[in-house]
Amino acid sequence: MKLLAILLLSTVAIGCGYSKSTTPVQPGTMPTITGLIPNNAIAGGSAVPFEVDGINFAAGASINFNGAAQVTTRVSATKLTTTIQPASITTAGTVPVTVTNPAIPGGPYGGGTQAATSASMNFTIN
């Protein structure tokens, strides 16, 4: 009788909440750039205050200038700002600007979102 009770309790314990299903990570919200202010600078010039306008800029979004993440201030879901340092604009040419929304971690059962990076818009260094 004791053996039957132990087997019954063991079976119930194994089947009650000890299996863990996970939710897969979902795609993140894709930011979109609609404008750069300014959209050009003079090669060898001084630091440039820089604004990126668009939509779907999440908290923690970062401006990527020529592939390098910049220290970014999120003004709103449609405006980000940074300062482009002189070392980033020493040579004439065109550089891509993108915005990356950060990944959001999931909970103990998974979930969350992946980081998402916008299509690029070109910035011209004259």
Protein backbone atom coordinates (compact mmCIF):
# COMPACT_ATOMS: atom_id res chain seq x y z
CA MET A 1 0.00 0.00 0.00
CA LYS A 2 2.84 2.39 0.87
CA LEU A 3 4.53 1.57 -2.42
CA LEU A 4 1.34 2.38 -4.33
CA ALA A 5 1.02 5.74 -2.54
CA ILE A 6 4.65 6.61 -3.31
CA LEU A 7 4.24 5.71 -6.98
CA LEU A 8 1.04 7.74 -7.22
CA LEU A 9 2.63 10.82 -5.61
CA SER A 10 5.71 10.50 -7.81
CA THR A 11 3.60 10.34 -10.96
CA VAL A 12 1.58 13.41 -9.95
CA ALA A 13 4.73 15.38 -9.06
CA ILE A 14 6.40 14.63 -12.38
CA GLY A 15 3.37 15.69 -14.39
CA CYS A 16 2.59 18.93 -12.51
CA GLY A 17 4.54 21.91 -13.70
CA TYR A 18 7.95 20.37 -13.96
CA SER A 19 7.98 20.48 -17.71
CA LYS A 20 9.07 23.82 -19.12
CA SER A 21 7.86 24.99 -22.50
CA THR A 22 9.52 28.04 -24.02
CA THR A 23 8.31 30.82 -26.25
CA PRO A 24 10.67 31.60 -29.14
CA VAL A 25 12.25 35.03 -29.52
CA GLN A 26 10.17 37.24 -31.82
CA PRO A 27 11.40 39.74 -34.44
CA GLY A 28 11.97 43.24 -33.03
CA THR A 29 10.23 46.42 -34.16
CA MET A 30 11.94 47.66 -37.32
CA PRO A 31 12.97 51.34 -37.17
CA THR A 32 12.69 53.44 -40.35
CA ILE A 33 14.83 56.50 -41.15
CA THR A 34 13.07 59.32 -43.02
CA GLY A 35 15.69 62.05 -42.78
CA LEU A 36 19.14 63.15 -41.59
CA ILE A 37 19.80 66.67 -40.30
CA PRO A 38 22.29 67.67 -41.57
CA ASN A 39 22.79 65.15 -44.36
CA ASN A 40 26.39 66.24 -45.05
CA ALA A 41 29.53 67.67 -43.46
CA ILE A 42 32.91 69.02 -44.52
CA ALA A 43 35.80 66.56 -44.37
CA GLY A 44 38.22 67.49 -41.60
CA GLY A 45 35.61 69.74 -39.98
CA SER A 46 34.63 70.02 -36.35
CA ALA A 47 32.09 67.90 -34.45
CA VAL A 48 28.59 67.92 -35.98
CA PRO A 49 25.36 67.87 -33.94
CA PHE A 50 23.31 65.23 -35.76
CA GLU A 51 19.63 64.33 -35.83
CA VAL A 52 17.98 61.25 -37.30
CA ASP A 53 14.24 61.47 -37.98
CA GLY A 54 12.00 58.48 -38.65
CA ILE A 55 9.51 56.12 -37.03
CA ASN A 56 9.56 53.24 -34.53
CA PHE A 57 12.63 54.37 -32.55
CA ALA A 58 12.51 52.33 -29.33
CA ALA A 59 13.93 53.22 -25.93
CA GLY A 60 17.64 52.42 -26.11
CA ALA A 61 17.82 52.82 -29.90
CA SER A 62 21.24 53.76 -31.25
CA ILE A 63 22.45 55.64 -34.29
CA ASN A 64 25.11 53.76 -36.27
CA PHE A 65 27.38 56.07 -38.27
CA ASN A 66 29.46 54.19 -40.83
CA GLY A 67 28.78 51.00 -38.89
CA ALA A 68 29.85 52.36 -35.47
CA ALA A 69 27.25 52.79 -32.73
CA GLN A 70 27.12 56.37 -31.44
CA VAL A 71 26.17 57.65 -28.00
CA THR A 72 22.51 58.39 -28.76
CA THR A 73 19.78 60.42 -27.11
CA ARG A 74 16.20 59.34 -27.82
CA VAL A 75 14.15 62.52 -28.01
CA SER A 76 11.00 60.66 -29.08
CA ALA A 77 9.86 57.64 -31.07
CA THR A 78 10.51 59.74 -34.18
CA LYS A 79 13.76 61.60 -33.31
CA LEU A 80 17.25 60.58 -32.17
CA THR A 81 20.29 62.83 -31.69
CA THR A 82 24.04 62.42 -31.34
CA THR A 83 27.24 64.29 -32.14
CA ILE A 84 29.41 63.06 -35.00
CA GLN A 85 33.03 63.40 -33.85
CA PRO A 86 35.74 64.90 -36.12
CA ALA A 87 37.53 61.52 -36.32
CA SER A 88 34.45 60.10 -38.11
CA ILE A 89 34.46 62.72 -40.87
CA THR A 90 38.12 63.02 -41.90
CA THR A 91 37.77 61.64 -45.44
CA ALA A 92 35.40 62.75 -48.21
CA GLY A 93 32.86 60.14 -49.30
CA THR A 94 29.50 58.65 -48.46
CA VAL A 95 28.83 56.76 -45.24
CA PRO A 96 25.76 54.75 -44.27
CA VAL A 97 23.63 55.73 -41.28
CA THR A 98 21.32 53.18 -39.64
CA VAL A 99 19.32 52.94 -36.43
CA THR A 100 19.23 49.82 -34.27
CA ASN A 101 16.46 49.08 -31.79
CA PRO A 102 17.81 46.88 -28.98
CA ALA A 103 16.77 43.32 -28.26
CA ILE A 104 14.36 42.85 -25.37
CA PRO A 105 15.16 39.86 -23.17
CA GLY A 106 12.47 37.31 -22.48
CA GLY A 107 11.42 35.90 -19.16
CA PRO A 108 12.02 32.49 -17.62
CA TYR A 109 9.93 30.86 -20.36
CA GLY A 110 11.65 32.57 -23.28
CA GLY A 111 10.10 35.22 -25.46
CA GLY A 112 11.58 38.66 -25.92
CA THR A 113 12.54 40.26 -29.21
CA GLN A 114 15.58 40.39 -31.45
CA ALA A 115 17.46 43.61 -32.18
CA ALA A 116 16.28 45.27 -35.41
CA THR A 117 18.31 47.57 -37.68
CA SER A 118 16.85 49.97 -40.24
CA ALA A 119 17.75 50.24 -43.88
CA SER A 120 20.60 52.70 -44.35
CA MET A 121 20.45 56.32 -45.47
CA ASN A 122 23.60 57.97 -46.83
CA PHE A 123 25.47 60.85 -45.20
CA THR A 124 27.89 62.75 -47.47
CA ILE A 125 31.28 63.99 -46.34
CA ASN A 126 32.45 66.70 -48.77
